[in-house]
C-alpha atoms as a PDB file:
ATOM      1  CA  MET A   1     -31.320  10.394  70.363  1.00  0.00           C
ATOM      2  CA  GLN A   2     -29.693   7.870  68.050  1.00  0.00           C
ATOM      3  CA  ARG A   3     -32.190   8.689  65.308  1.00  0.00           C
ATOM      4  CA  PHE A   4     -31.395  12.396  65.716  1.00  0.00           C
ATOM      5  CA  SER A   5     -27.665  11.749  65.443  1.00  0.00           C
ATOM      6  CA  GLU A   6     -28.177   9.707  62.258  1.00  0.00           C
ATOM      7  CA  LEU A   7     -30.185  12.533  60.702  1.00  0.00           C
ATOM      8  CA  ARG A   8     -27.509  15.012  61.706  1.00  0.00           C
ATOM      9  CA  VAL A   9     -24.757  12.936  60.041  1.00  0.00           C
ATOM     10  CA  PHE A  10     -26.902  12.587  56.928  1.00  0.00           C
ATOM     11  CA  SER A  11     -27.479  16.356  56.782  1.00  0.00           C
ATOM     12  CA  ASP A  12     -23.744  16.991  57.177  1.00  0.00           C
ATOM     13  CA  ARG A  13     -23.045  14.650  54.270  1.00  0.00           C
ATOM     14  CA  MET A  14     -25.648  16.420  52.150  1.00  0.00           C
ATOM     15  CA  LYS A  15     -23.866  19.708  52.818  1.00  0.00           C
ATOM     16  CA  GLU A  16     -20.629  18.205  51.473  1.00  0.00           C
ATOM     17  CA  ILE A  17     -22.235  17.374  48.105  1.00  0.00           C
ATOM     18  CA  LYS A  18     -21.413  20.172  45.682  1.00  0.00           C
ATOM     19  CA  THR A  19     -23.413  20.812  42.544  1.00  0.00           C
ATOM     20  CA  PRO A  20     -21.449  21.631  39.376  1.00  0.00           C
ATOM     21  CA  LYS A  21     -21.130  25.341  38.729  1.00  0.00           C
ATOM     22  CA  SER A  22     -19.640  25.197  35.227  1.00  0.00           C
ATOM     23  CA  GLY A  23     -20.551  23.454  32.026  1.00  0.00           C
ATOM     24  CA  ARG A  24     -17.303  21.507  32.039  1.00  0.00           C
ATOM     25  CA  ALA A  25     -17.971  20.063  35.510  1.00  0.00           C
ATOM     26  CA  ARG A  26     -21.566  19.244  34.560  1.00  0.00           C
ATOM     27  CA  ARG A  27     -20.429  17.365  31.438  1.00  0.00           C
ATOM     28  CA  ALA A  28     -17.831  15.432  33.463  1.00  0.00           C
ATOM     29  CA  LEU A  29     -20.503  14.300  35.958  1.00  0.00           C
ATOM     30  CA  GLU A  30     -22.882  13.322  33.153  1.00  0.00           C
ATOM     31  CA  LYS A  31     -20.110  11.250  31.583  1.00  0.00           C
ATOM     32  CA  ARG A  32     -19.614   9.334  34.842  1.00  0.00           C
ATOM     33  CA  ALA A  33     -23.339   8.924  35.516  1.00  0.00           C
ATOM     34  CA  PRO A  34     -24.916   5.455  35.082  1.00  0.00           C
ATOM     35  CA  LYS A  35     -26.044   4.701  31.541  1.00  0.00           C
ATOM     36  CA  HIS A  36     -28.425   2.141  30.107  1.00  0.00           C
ATOM     37  CA  LEU A  37     -25.724   0.982  27.671  1.00  0.00           C
ATOM     38  CA  GLU A  38     -22.391   1.173  29.454  1.00  0.00           C
ATOM     39  CA  GLU A  39     -19.179   1.948  27.600  1.00  0.00           C
ATOM     40  CA  GLY A  40     -15.974  -0.102  27.842  1.00  0.00           C
ATOM     41  CA  LYS A  41     -14.712  -0.622  31.385  1.00  0.00           C
ATOM     42  CA  LYS A  42     -11.486   1.063  32.491  1.00  0.00           C
ATOM     43  CA  THR A  43      -8.814  -0.848  34.415  1.00  0.00           C
ATOM     44  CA  LEU A  44      -6.719   0.465  37.298  1.00  0.00           C
ATOM     45  CA  ILE A  45      -3.241  -1.100  37.559  1.00  0.00           C
ATOM     46  CA  LEU A  46      -1.244  -0.600  40.758  1.00  0.00           C
ATOM     47  CA  HIS A  47       1.166  -2.467  43.039  1.00  0.00           C
ATOM     48  CA  GLY A  48       1.866  -2.852  46.725  1.00  0.00           C
ATOM     49  CA  THR A  49       4.866  -2.185  48.932  1.00  0.00           C
ATOM     50  CA  LYS A  50       7.082  -4.862  47.413  1.00  0.00           C
ATOM     51  CA  THR A  51       7.118  -6.268  43.878  1.00  0.00           C
ATOM     52  CA  SER A  52       9.415  -8.464  41.804  1.00  0.00           C
ATOM     53  CA  SER A  53      10.872  -7.978  38.331  1.00  0.00           C
ATOM     54  CA  VAL A  54       8.477 -10.641  37.000  1.00  0.00           C
ATOM     55  CA  LEU A  55       5.481  -8.863  38.470  1.00  0.00           C
ATOM     56  CA  ASN A  56       6.596  -5.490  37.104  1.00  0.00           C
ATOM     57  CA  ALA A  57       6.879  -7.013  33.625  1.00  0.00           C
ATOM     58  CA  VAL A  58       3.405  -8.597  33.957  1.00  0.00           C
ATOM     59  CA  LEU A  59       1.802  -5.296  34.934  1.00  0.00           C
ATOM     60  CA  ALA A  60       3.637  -3.455  32.138  1.00  0.00           C
ATOM     61  CA  ASP A  61       2.470  -5.957  29.491  1.00  0.00           C
ATOM     62  CA  ILE A  62      -1.135  -5.829  30.715  1.00  0.00           C
ATOM     63  CA  TYR A  63      -1.014  -2.041  30.557  1.00  0.00           C
ATOM     64  CA  ASN A  64       0.301  -2.169  26.972  1.00  0.00           C
ATOM     65  CA  LEU A  65      -2.467  -4.568  25.950  1.00  0.00           C
ATOM     66  CA  LYS A  66      -5.129  -2.305  27.452  1.00  0.00           C
ATOM     67  CA  LYS A  67      -3.576   1.035  26.555  1.00  0.00           C
ATOM     68  CA  GLY A  68      -6.272   3.660  26.183  1.00  0.00           C
ATOM     69  CA  THR A  69      -8.614   1.973  28.664  1.00  0.00           C
ATOM     70  CA  ALA A  70      -6.191   1.558  31.586  1.00  0.00           C
ATOM     71  CA  VAL A  71      -4.676   3.769  34.277  1.00  0.00           C
ATOM     72  CA  LYS A  72      -1.349   2.716  35.804  1.00  0.00           C
ATOM     73  CA  PHE A  73       0.020   3.948  39.132  1.00  0.00           C
ATOM     74  CA  ASN A  74       3.783   3.697  39.644  1.00  0.00           C
ATOM     75  CA  ARG A  75       3.981   4.618  43.323  1.00  0.00           C
ATOM     76  CA  LYS A  76       3.961   2.023  46.099  1.00  0.00           C
ATOM     77  CA  ASN A  77       0.760   1.576  48.093  1.00  0.00           C
ATOM     78  CA  ASP A  78       1.360   0.451  51.661  1.00  0.00           C
ATOM     79  CA  ASN A  79      -2.190   0.336  53.020  1.00  0.00           C
ATOM     80  CA  ILE A  80      -3.933  -1.701  50.302  1.00  0.00           C
ATOM     81  CA  ARG A  81      -4.883  -5.246  51.327  1.00  0.00           C
ATOM     82  CA  PRO A  82      -7.960  -6.193  49.288  1.00  0.00           C
ATOM     83  CA  PHE A  83      -8.902  -9.355  51.233  1.00  0.00           C
ATOM     84  CA  GLU A  84      -8.629  -7.751  54.683  1.00  0.00           C
ATOM     85  CA  SER A  85     -11.305  -5.628  56.336  1.00  0.00           C
ATOM     86  CA  GLY A  86     -10.429  -1.943  55.977  1.00  0.00           C
ATOM     87  CA  GLY A  87      -7.672  -2.690  53.504  1.00  0.00           C
ATOM     88  CA  ASP A  88      -9.806  -1.780  50.496  1.00  0.00           C
ATOM     89  CA  THR A  89     -10.580   1.841  51.477  1.00  0.00           C
ATOM     90  CA  SER A  90      -7.759   3.344  49.399  1.00  0.00           C
ATOM     91  CA  LEU A  91      -8.594   1.017  46.517  1.00  0.00           C
ATOM     92  CA  GLU A  92     -12.211   2.226  46.443  1.00  0.00           C
ATOM     93  CA  PHE A  93     -11.003   5.833  46.629  1.00  0.00           C
ATOM     94  CA  PHE A  94      -8.704   5.336  43.612  1.00  0.00           C
ATOM     95  CA  SER A  95     -11.536   3.624  41.740  1.00  0.00           C
ATOM     96  CA  LEU A  96     -13.764   6.652  42.313  1.00  0.00           C
ATOM     97  CA  LYS A  97     -11.108   9.181  41.301  1.00  0.00           C
ATOM     98  CA  THR A  98     -10.067   7.366  38.114  1.00  0.00           C
ATOM     99  CA  ASP A  99     -13.583   6.091  37.237  1.00  0.00           C
ATOM    100  CA  CYS A 100     -12.283   2.507  36.908  1.00  0.00           C
ATOM    101  CA  SER A 101     -14.543  -0.503  37.510  1.00  0.00           C
ATOM    102  CA  LEU A 102     -11.729  -3.091  37.200  1.00  0.00           C
ATOM    103  CA  PHE A 103      -8.401  -3.229  39.012  1.00  0.00           C
ATOM    104  CA  ILE A 104      -5.241  -5.343  39.091  1.00  0.00           C
ATOM    105  CA  PHE A 105      -3.145  -5.190  42.240  1.00  0.00           C
ATOM    106  CA  GLY A 106       0.322  -6.739  42.243  1.00  0.00           C
ATOM    107  CA  SER A 107       2.341  -7.674  45.318  1.00  0.00           C
ATOM    108  CA  HIS A 108       5.240  -9.978  46.207  1.00  0.00           C
ATOM    109  CA  SER A 109       6.032 -11.728  49.478  1.00  0.00           C
ATOM    110  CA  LYS A 110       7.639 -14.911  50.705  1.00  0.00           C
ATOM    111  CA  LYS A 111       4.265 -16.472  51.469  1.00  0.00           C
ATOM    112  CA  ARG A 112       2.646 -15.394  48.160  1.00  0.00           C
ATOM    113  CA  PRO A 113       5.298 -14.699  45.499  1.00  0.00           C
ATOM    114  CA  ASP A 114       4.348 -12.913  42.258  1.00  0.00           C
ATOM    115  CA  ASN A 115       0.800 -12.349  43.460  1.00  0.00           C
ATOM    116  CA  LEU A 116      -1.957 -10.705  41.403  1.00  0.00           C
ATOM    117  CA  VAL A 117      -5.371  -9.682  42.743  1.00  0.00           C
ATOM    118  CA  ILE A 118      -7.943  -9.062  40.012  1.00  0.00           C
ATOM    119  CA  GLY A 119     -11.198  -7.495  41.113  1.00  0.00           C
ATOM    120  CA  ARG A 120     -14.325  -5.753  39.967  1.00  0.00           C
ATOM    121  CA  CYS A 121     -16.112  -2.760  41.469  1.00  0.00           C
ATOM    122  CA  TYR A 122     -19.787  -1.852  41.634  1.00  0.00           C
ATOM    123  CA  ASP A 123     -20.650   1.758  42.404  1.00  0.00           C
ATOM    124  CA  HIS A 124     -16.928   2.180  43.228  1.00  0.00           C
ATOM    125  CA  HIS A 125     -17.080  -0.455  45.985  1.00  0.00           C
ATOM    126  CA  ILE A 126     -15.360  -3.848  45.861  1.00  0.00           C
ATOM    127  CA  TYR A 127     -17.669  -6.350  44.141  1.00  0.00           C
ATOM    128  CA  ASP A 128     -15.569  -9.533  43.959  1.00  0.00           C
ATOM    129  CA  LEU A 129     -11.916 -10.626  44.084  1.00  0.00           C
ATOM    130  CA  VAL A 130      -9.724 -13.355  42.579  1.00  0.00           C
ATOM    131  CA  GLU A 131      -6.136 -13.875  43.734  1.00  0.00           C
ATOM    132  CA  VAL A 132      -3.744 -15.714  41.394  1.00  0.00           C
ATOM    133  CA  GLY A 133      -0.052 -16.488  41.361  1.00  0.00           C
ATOM    134  CA  VAL A 134       2.001 -15.918  38.200  1.00  0.00           C
ATOM    135  CA  GLU A 135       4.319 -18.704  37.047  1.00  0.00           C
ATOM    136  CA  ASN A 136       6.275 -19.479  33.845  1.00  0.00           C
ATOM    137  CA  PHE A 137       5.862 -15.925  32.588  1.00  0.00           C
ATOM    138  CA  ARG A 138       7.110 -14.882  29.131  1.00  0.00           C
ATOM    139  CA  SER A 139       6.921 -11.221  28.182  1.00  0.00           C
ATOM    140  CA  MET A 140       5.937  -9.761  24.821  1.00  0.00           C
ATOM    141  CA  ALA A 141       9.541  -8.812  24.089  1.00  0.00           C
ATOM    142  CA  SER A 142      10.716 -12.440  24.351  1.00  0.00           C
ATOM    143  CA  PHE A 143       8.630 -13.579  21.328  1.00  0.00           C
ATOM    144  CA  SER A 144      10.094 -13.303  17.818  1.00  0.00           C
ATOM    145  CA  TYR A 145       7.647 -12.921  14.924  1.00  0.00           C
ATOM    146  CA  ASN A 146       6.921 -10.729  11.921  1.00  0.00           C
ATOM    147  CA  ARG A 147       5.917  -7.344  13.322  1.00  0.00           C
ATOM    148  CA  LYS A 148       3.538  -6.764  10.407  1.00  0.00           C
ATOM    149  CA  ILE A 149       1.077  -9.245  11.905  1.00  0.00           C
ATOM    150  CA  ALA A 150       1.172  -7.652  15.349  1.00  0.00           C
ATOM    151  CA  PRO A 151      -2.353  -6.901  16.652  1.00  0.00           C
ATOM    152  CA  LYS A 152      -3.432  -3.278  16.422  1.00  0.00           C
ATOM    153  CA  ALA A 153      -4.039  -1.304  19.576  1.00  0.00           C
ATOM    154  CA  GLY A 154      -7.700  -1.161  20.566  1.00  0.00           C
ATOM    155  CA  SER A 155      -8.845  -4.015  18.308  1.00  0.00           C
ATOM    156  CA  LYS A 156     -11.636  -6.308  19.475  1.00  0.00           C
ATOM    157  CA  PRO A 157     -10.208  -9.647  20.735  1.00  0.00           C
ATOM    158  CA  LEU A 158     -11.498 -13.194  20.587  1.00  0.00           C
ATOM    159  CA  ILE A 159     -11.444 -15.124  23.881  1.00  0.00           C
ATOM    160  CA  ALA A 160     -11.324 -18.940  24.001  1.00  0.00           C
ATOM    161  CA  PHE A 161     -11.782 -20.953  27.214  1.00  0.00           C
ATOM    162  CA  ILE A 162     -10.651 -24.562  26.832  1.00  0.00           C
ATOM    163  CA  GLY A 163     -11.257 -27.248  29.451  1.00  0.00           C
ATOM    164  CA  GLU A 164     -14.058 -28.631  31.609  1.00  0.00           C
ATOM    165  CA  GLY A 165     -12.679 -26.907  34.687  1.00  0.00           C
ATOM    166  CA  PHE A 166     -14.276 -23.620  33.649  1.00  0.00           C
ATOM    167  CA  GLU A 167     -17.700 -25.272  33.997  1.00  0.00           C
ATOM    168  CA  THR A 168     -17.191 -27.554  37.017  1.00  0.00           C
ATOM    169  CA  VAL A 169     -14.652 -25.916  39.375  1.00  0.00           C
ATOM    170  CA  GLU A 170     -16.066 -22.933  41.285  1.00  0.00           C
ATOM    171  CA  GLU A 171     -12.758 -21.039  41.452  1.00  0.00           C
ATOM    172  CA  LEU A 172     -12.166 -21.374  37.701  1.00  0.00           C
ATOM    173  CA  LYS A 173     -15.762 -20.388  36.919  1.00  0.00           C
ATOM    174  CA  HIS A 174     -15.225 -17.211  38.926  1.00  0.00           C
ATOM    175  CA  LEU A 175     -11.861 -16.570  37.242  1.00  0.00           C
ATOM    176  CA  LYS A 176     -13.499 -16.989  33.826  1.00  0.00           C
ATOM    177  CA  GLU A 177     -16.056 -14.246  34.584  1.00  0.00           C
ATOM    178  CA  VAL A 178     -13.348 -11.864  35.783  1.00  0.00           C
ATOM    179  CA  LEU A 179     -11.072 -12.536  32.789  1.00  0.00           C
ATOM    180  CA  LEU A 180     -13.981 -11.955  30.401  1.00  0.00           C
ATOM    181  CA  ASP A 181     -14.628  -8.521  31.899  1.00  0.00           C
ATOM    182  CA  LEU A 182     -10.915  -7.731  31.888  1.00  0.00           C
ATOM    183  CA  LEU A 183     -10.066  -8.756  28.308  1.00  0.00           C
ATOM    184  CA  ARG A 184     -13.189  -8.327  26.184  1.00  0.00           C
ATOM    185  CA  GLY A 185     -13.039  -4.541  25.742  1.00  0.00           C
ATOM    186  CA  GLU A 186     -15.994  -2.521  24.517  1.00  0.00           C
ATOM    187  CA  GLU A 187     -19.209  -4.311  23.542  1.00  0.00           C
ATOM    188  CA  VAL A 188     -20.180  -4.018  19.867  1.00  0.00           C
ATOM    189  CA  GLU A 189     -23.144  -5.247  17.827  1.00  0.00           C
ATOM    190  CA  ASN A 190     -21.407  -5.840  14.485  1.00  0.00           C
ATOM    191  CA  LEU A 191     -17.807  -6.830  13.758  1.00  0.00           C
ATOM    192  CA  ASN A 192     -15.825  -6.945  10.538  1.00  0.00           C
ATOM    193  CA  LEU A 193     -14.021 -10.257  10.014  1.00  0.00           C
ATOM    194  CA  ALA A 194     -10.938  -8.463   8.690  1.00  0.00           C
ATOM    195  CA  GLY A 195     -10.641  -6.598  12.011  1.00  0.00           C
ATOM    196  CA  LEU A 196     -10.138  -9.787  14.058  1.00  0.00           C
ATOM    197  CA  ASP A 197      -6.401  -9.826  14.616  1.00  0.00           C
ATOM    198  CA  ARG A 198      -5.953 -11.202  18.172  1.00  0.00           C
ATOM    199  CA  ILE A 199      -7.172 -13.969  20.462  1.00  0.00           C
ATOM    200  CA  TYR A 200      -6.687 -14.784  24.148  1.00  0.00           C
ATOM    201  CA  VAL A 201      -6.510 -18.523  24.796  1.00  0.00           C
ATOM    202  CA  CYS A 202      -7.227 -19.716  28.353  1.00  0.00           C
ATOM    203  CA  THR A 203      -6.659 -23.422  29.022  1.00  0.00           C
ATOM    204  CA  ALA A 204      -7.761 -25.046  32.279  1.00  0.00           C
ATOM    205  CA  LEU A 205      -5.108 -27.346  33.780  1.00  0.00           C
ATOM    206  CA  PRO A 206      -5.192 -29.553  36.897  1.00  0.00           C
ATOM    207  CA  SER A 207      -4.776 -28.117  40.410  1.00  0.00           C
ATOM    208  CA  ASN A 208      -6.659 -24.865  39.668  1.00  0.00           C
ATOM    209  CA  ARG A 209      -4.108 -23.718  37.112  1.00  0.00           C
ATOM    210  CA  VAL A 210      -4.910 -21.744  33.931  1.00  0.00           C
ATOM    211  CA  PHE A 211      -2.526 -21.243  31.023  1.00  0.00           C
ATOM    212  CA  LEU A 212      -3.129 -17.807  29.462  1.00  0.00           C
ATOM    213  CA  THR A 213      -1.537 -16.774  26.179  1.00  0.00           C
ATOM    214  CA  HIS A 214      -2.041 -14.023  23.615  1.00  0.00           C
ATOM    215  CA  CYS A 215      -1.905 -14.853  19.883  1.00  0.00           C
ATOM    216  CA  ALA A 216      -2.170 -12.933  16.627  1.00  0.00           C
ATOM    217  CA  VAL A 217      -4.730 -14.126  14.065  1.00  0.00           C
ATOM    218  CA  ARG A 218      -3.688 -14.574  10.422  1.00  0.00           C
ATOM    219  CA  LEU A 219      -6.391 -15.030   7.768  1.00  0.00           C
ATOM    220  CA  LYS A 220      -5.169 -17.026   4.752  1.00  0.00           C
ATOM    221  CA  LYS A 221      -6.798 -18.208   1.547  1.00  0.00           C
ATOM    222  CA  SER A 222      -8.559 -21.564   1.748  1.00  0.00           C
ATOM    223  CA  GLY A 223     -10.267 -21.790  -1.651  1.00  0.00           C
ATOM    224  CA  THR A 224     -13.678 -21.140  -0.057  1.00  0.00           C
ATOM    225  CA  THR A 225     -15.508 -18.135   1.340  1.00  0.00           C
ATOM    226  CA  ILE A 226     -14.294 -19.006   4.851  1.00  0.00           C
ATOM    227  CA  PRO A 227     -10.591 -18.163   5.289  1.00  0.00           C
ATOM    228  CA  ARG A 228      -8.080 -20.452   6.938  1.00  0.00           C
ATOM    229  CA  ILE A 229      -6.975 -19.204  10.356  1.00  0.00           C
ATOM    230  CA  GLU A 230      -3.456 -19.453  11.761  1.00  0.00           C
ATOM    231  CA  LEU A 231      -2.430 -18.420  15.265  1.00  0.00           C
ATOM    232  CA  VAL A 232       0.960 -16.862  15.980  1.00  0.00           C
ATOM    233  CA  GLU A 233       1.922 -16.493  19.641  1.00  0.00           C
ATOM    234  CA  VAL A 234       2.930 -12.887  20.322  1.00  0.00           C
ATOM    235  CA  GLY A 235       2.825 -12.859  24.130  1.00  0.00           C
ATOM    236  CA  PRO A 236       2.527 -12.421  26.934  1.00  0.00           C
ATOM    237  CA  SER A 237       1.953 -15.955  28.219  1.00  0.00           C
ATOM    238  CA  MET A 238       1.777 -17.161  31.820  1.00  0.00           C
ATOM    239  CA  ASP A 239       0.345 -19.730  34.196  1.00  0.00           C
ATOM    240  CA  LEU A 240      -2.247 -18.394  36.650  1.00  0.00           C
ATOM    241  CA  VAL A 241      -2.618 -20.449  39.848  1.00  0.00           C
ATOM    242  CA  VAL A 242      -5.802 -19.601  41.763  1.00  0.00           C
ATOM    243  CA  ARG A 243      -5.004 -18.993  45.447  1.00  0.00           C
ATOM    244  CA  ARG A 244      -8.014 -17.215  46.947  1.00  0.00           C
ATOM    245  CA  HIS A 245     -11.277 -15.784  45.699  1.00  0.00           C
ATOM    246  CA  ARG A 246     -14.209 -13.888  47.200  1.00  0.00           C
ATOM    247  CA  LEU A 247     -17.667 -13.997  45.645  1.00  0.00           C
ATOM    248  CA  PRO A 248     -19.961 -10.943  45.779  1.00  0.00           C
ATOM    249  CA  ASN A 249     -22.627 -10.515  48.414  1.00  0.00           C
ATOM    250  CA  GLU A 250     -26.113 -11.681  47.329  1.00  0.00           C
ATOM    251  CA  ALA A 251     -27.701  -8.266  47.864  1.00  0.00           C
ATOM    252  CA  VAL A 252     -24.910  -6.474  45.986  1.00  0.00           C
ATOM    253  CA  GLU A 253     -25.021  -9.041  43.181  1.00  0.00           C
ATOM    254  CA  LYS A 254     -28.771  -8.576  42.820  1.00  0.00           C
ATOM    255  CA  ALA A 255     -28.406  -4.794  42.674  1.00  0.00           C
ATOM    256  CA  ALA A 256     -25.555  -5.006  40.149  1.00  0.00           C
ATOM    257  CA  LYS A 257     -27.473  -7.318  37.806  1.00  0.00           C
ATOM    258  CA  LYS A 258     -30.652  -5.254  37.925  1.00  0.00           C
ATOM    259  CA  LYS A 259     -31.505  -3.757  34.538  1.00  0.00           C
ATOM    260  CA  ALA A 260     -33.244  -0.437  34.171  1.00  0.00           C
ATOM    261  CA  ALA A 261     -36.388  -0.228  32.087  1.00  0.00           C
ATOM    262  CA  GLU A 262     -35.747   0.965  28.567  1.00  0.00           C
ATOM    263  CA  LYS A 263     -37.025   4.442  27.869  1.00  0.00           C
ATOM    264  CA  THR A 264     -39.195   4.583  24.767  1.00  0.00           C
ATOM    265  CA  LYS A 265     -38.309   7.457  22.522  1.00  0.00           C
ATOM    266  CA  LYS A 266     -41.023  10.038  22.089  1.00  0.00           C
ATOM    267  CA  LYS A 267     -42.267  10.162  18.517  1.00  0.00           C
ATOM    268  CA  VAL A 268     -41.514  13.478  16.861  1.00  0.00           C
ATOM    269  CA  LYS A 269     -44.102  14.580  14.330  1.00  0.00           C
ATOM    270  CA  ASN A 270     -43.093  15.245  10.720  1.00  0.00           C
ATOM    271  CA  VAL A 271     -39.506  14.001  11.308  1.00  0.00           C
ATOM    272  CA  LYS A 272     -38.036  10.869   9.759  1.00  0.00           C
ATOM    273  CA  GLY A 273     -34.553   9.388   9.453  1.00  0.00           C
ATOM    274  CA  ASP A 274     -32.793   8.412   6.263  1.00  0.00           C
ATOM    275  CA  ALA A 275     -29.653   6.266   5.961  1.00  0.00           C
ATOM    276  CA  LEU A 276     -28.066   8.593   3.388  1.00  0.00           C
ATOM    277  CA  LEU A 277     -29.594  12.018   4.033  1.00  0.00           C
ATOM    278  CA  GLY A 278     -29.827  11.753   7.805  1.00  0.00           C
ATOM    279  CA  THR A 279     -32.701  13.434   9.656  1.00  0.00           C
ATOM    280  CA  LEU A 280     -35.382  14.921   7.412  1.00  0.00           C
ATOM    281  CA  GLY A 281     -38.153  17.249   8.552  1.00  0.00           C
ATOM    282  CA  ARG A 282     -41.420  18.239   6.910  1.00  0.00           C
ATOM    283  CA  ILE A 283     -42.970  21.655   7.536  1.00  0.00           C
ATOM    284  CA  TYR A 284     -46.410  23.022   6.595  1.00  0.00           C
ATOM    285  CA  ILE A 285     -46.528  26.290   4.662  1.00  0.00           C
ATOM    286  CA  PRO A 286     -50.021  27.809   4.101  1.00  0.00           C
ATOM    287  CA  ASP A 287     -51.086  29.373   0.797  1.00  0.00           C
ATOM    288  CA  GLN A 288     -49.139  32.616   0.404  1.00  0.00           C
ATOM    289  CA  LYS A 289     -51.617  34.275  -2.041  1.00  0.00           C
ATOM    290  CA  VAL A 290     -48.871  36.093  -3.847  1.00  0.00           C
ATOM    291  CA  GLY A 291     -51.206  37.485  -6.529  1.00  0.00           C
ATOM    292  CA  ASP A 292     -53.304  39.406  -4.013  1.00  0.00           C
ATOM    293  CA  ALA A 293     -50.378  40.802  -2.067  1.00  0.00           C
ATOM    294  CA  ALA A 294     -49.499  44.484  -2.567  1.00  0.00           C
ATOM    295  CA  LEU A 295     -46.002  45.066  -3.902  1.00  0.00           C
ATOM    296  CA  PRO A 296     -43.875  47.411  -1.790  1.00  0.00           C
ATOM    297  CA  HIS A 297     -42.461  49.199  -4.847  1.00  0.00           C
ATOM    298  CA  LYS A 298     -42.905  49.217  -8.571  1.00  0.00           C
ATOM    299  CA  ALA A 299     -40.764  46.629 -10.193  1.00  0.00           C
ATOM    300  CA  LYS A 300     -38.765  47.326 -13.320  1.00  0.00           C
ATOM    301  CA  GLY A 301     -40.674  44.734 -15.252  1.00  0.00           C
ATOM    302  CA  VAL A 302     -43.993  46.446 -14.438  1.00  0.00           C
ATOM    303  CA  LYS A 303     -42.674  49.837 -15.510  1.00  0.00           C
ATOM    304  CA  ARG A 304     -41.476  48.481 -18.848  1.00  0.00           C
ATOM    305  CA  GLU A 305     -44.849  46.854 -19.511  1.00  0.00           C
ATOM    306  CA  ARG A 306     -46.632  50.144 -18.843  1.00  0.00           C
ATOM    307  CA  ARG A 307     -44.203  52.000 -21.106  1.00  0.00           C
ATOM    308  CA  GLU A 308     -44.815  49.543 -23.923  1.00  0.00           C
ATOM    309  CA  ALA A 309     -48.576  49.830 -23.382  1.00  0.00           C
ATOM    310  CA  LYS A 310     -48.393  53.651 -23.652  1.00  0.00           C
ATOM    311  CA  ILE A 311     -46.406  53.422 -26.899  1.00  0.00           C
ATOM    312  CA  LYS A 312     -48.927  51.006 -28.384  1.00  0.00           C
ATOM    313  CA  ASP A 313     -51.814  53.246 -27.260  1.00  0.00           C
ATOM    314  CA  GLY A 314     -50.206  56.318 -28.836  1.00  0.00           C
ATOM    315  CA  ALA A 315     -49.588  54.501 -32.126  1.00  0.00           C
ATOM    316  CA  ALA A 316     -53.212  53.310 -32.200  1.00  0.00           C
ATOM    317  CA  ARG A 317     -54.497  56.858 -31.643  1.00  0.00           C
ATOM    318  CA  GLU A 318     -52.349  58.231 -34.482  1.00  0.00           C
ATOM    319  CA  HIS A 319     -53.651  55.532 -36.813  1.00  0.00           C
ATOM    320  CA  ILE A 320     -57.261  56.399 -35.916  1.00  0.00           C
ATOM    321  CA  SER A 321     -56.681  60.149 -36.464  1.00  0.00           C
ATOM    322  CA  LYS A 322     -55.082  59.574 -39.887  1.00  0.00           C
ATOM    323  CA  LYS A 323     -58.003  57.370 -40.932  1.00  0.00           C
ATOM    324  CA  GLN A 324     -60.503  60.021 -39.850  1.00  0.00           C
ATOM    325  CA  LYS A 325     -58.698  62.690 -41.943  1.00  0.00           C
ATOM    326  CA  GLN A 326     -58.733  60.461 -45.008  1.00  0.00           C
ATOM    327  CA  ASP A 327     -62.465  59.866 -44.648  1.00  0.00           C
ATOM    328  CA  ALA A 328     -63.102  63.573 -44.300  1.00  0.00           C
ATOM    329  CA  ASP A 329     -61.227  64.348 -47.514  1.00  0.00           C
END
């Protein structure tokens, strides 16, 4: 009876799955489908029932840094408690609707003031969580510098982790992995040196504290082929104090790290690629035998040749007749 009920629930769920009926819906599902080479991860930014002015400024600055790859909710969310059982249902629902695999949840209370929960999702389910407290925060607007050197939106950042704590302390090792996913942006194979205009510096301090700051990179002449690098702090900067963290389940971690086998491309005959001309194809054309083919109509050139031949033939006949008359006389 239990087996029958499970099959019945499964069949009901299968009925709820709707196949796309339009090309637009089909393309949207294909865009969200798993890929062998994933694109840049999107970040969901939202806050709880109560927040502080510091926390609002932190979330606003993070959204500005990740503009284009972030979705920010402004409404309060009462029923989101990531570390409690059942408190992550709404969070997983928002992750599915916005197609975000990273999230930042901000909340403020007397027990945990200026609290940030940074987490990752796998298959739109909570993968792991890190809870940090924000202290000594300075916003981007509080820094004064030449605006010409401000990092461009969407540029690829450098990330530096300084300190032995990132290799020895379990909480900081976990925080390092989460910050890498959050800040690195889209993965690229090649990078132009002139396009490096920002760096995130994370320094491990005692008592599970990390100093995070954002700097602009200035490339200056050094007299050699390698330029001299100067860092200008452009903000934001803050201290992150690790409060709680939750590692992923072993089974989920194994499934998330599993790599699909690479599909070998089928070789296409008589097609080759060129760096300048693009894709080139070669086709086989049999002998046309144009000389043996019957012409559909008489061409002008043929008519003129026949006319000239008739004139020459007439002139030759007249010459022969005149010669015969002379011989007769």
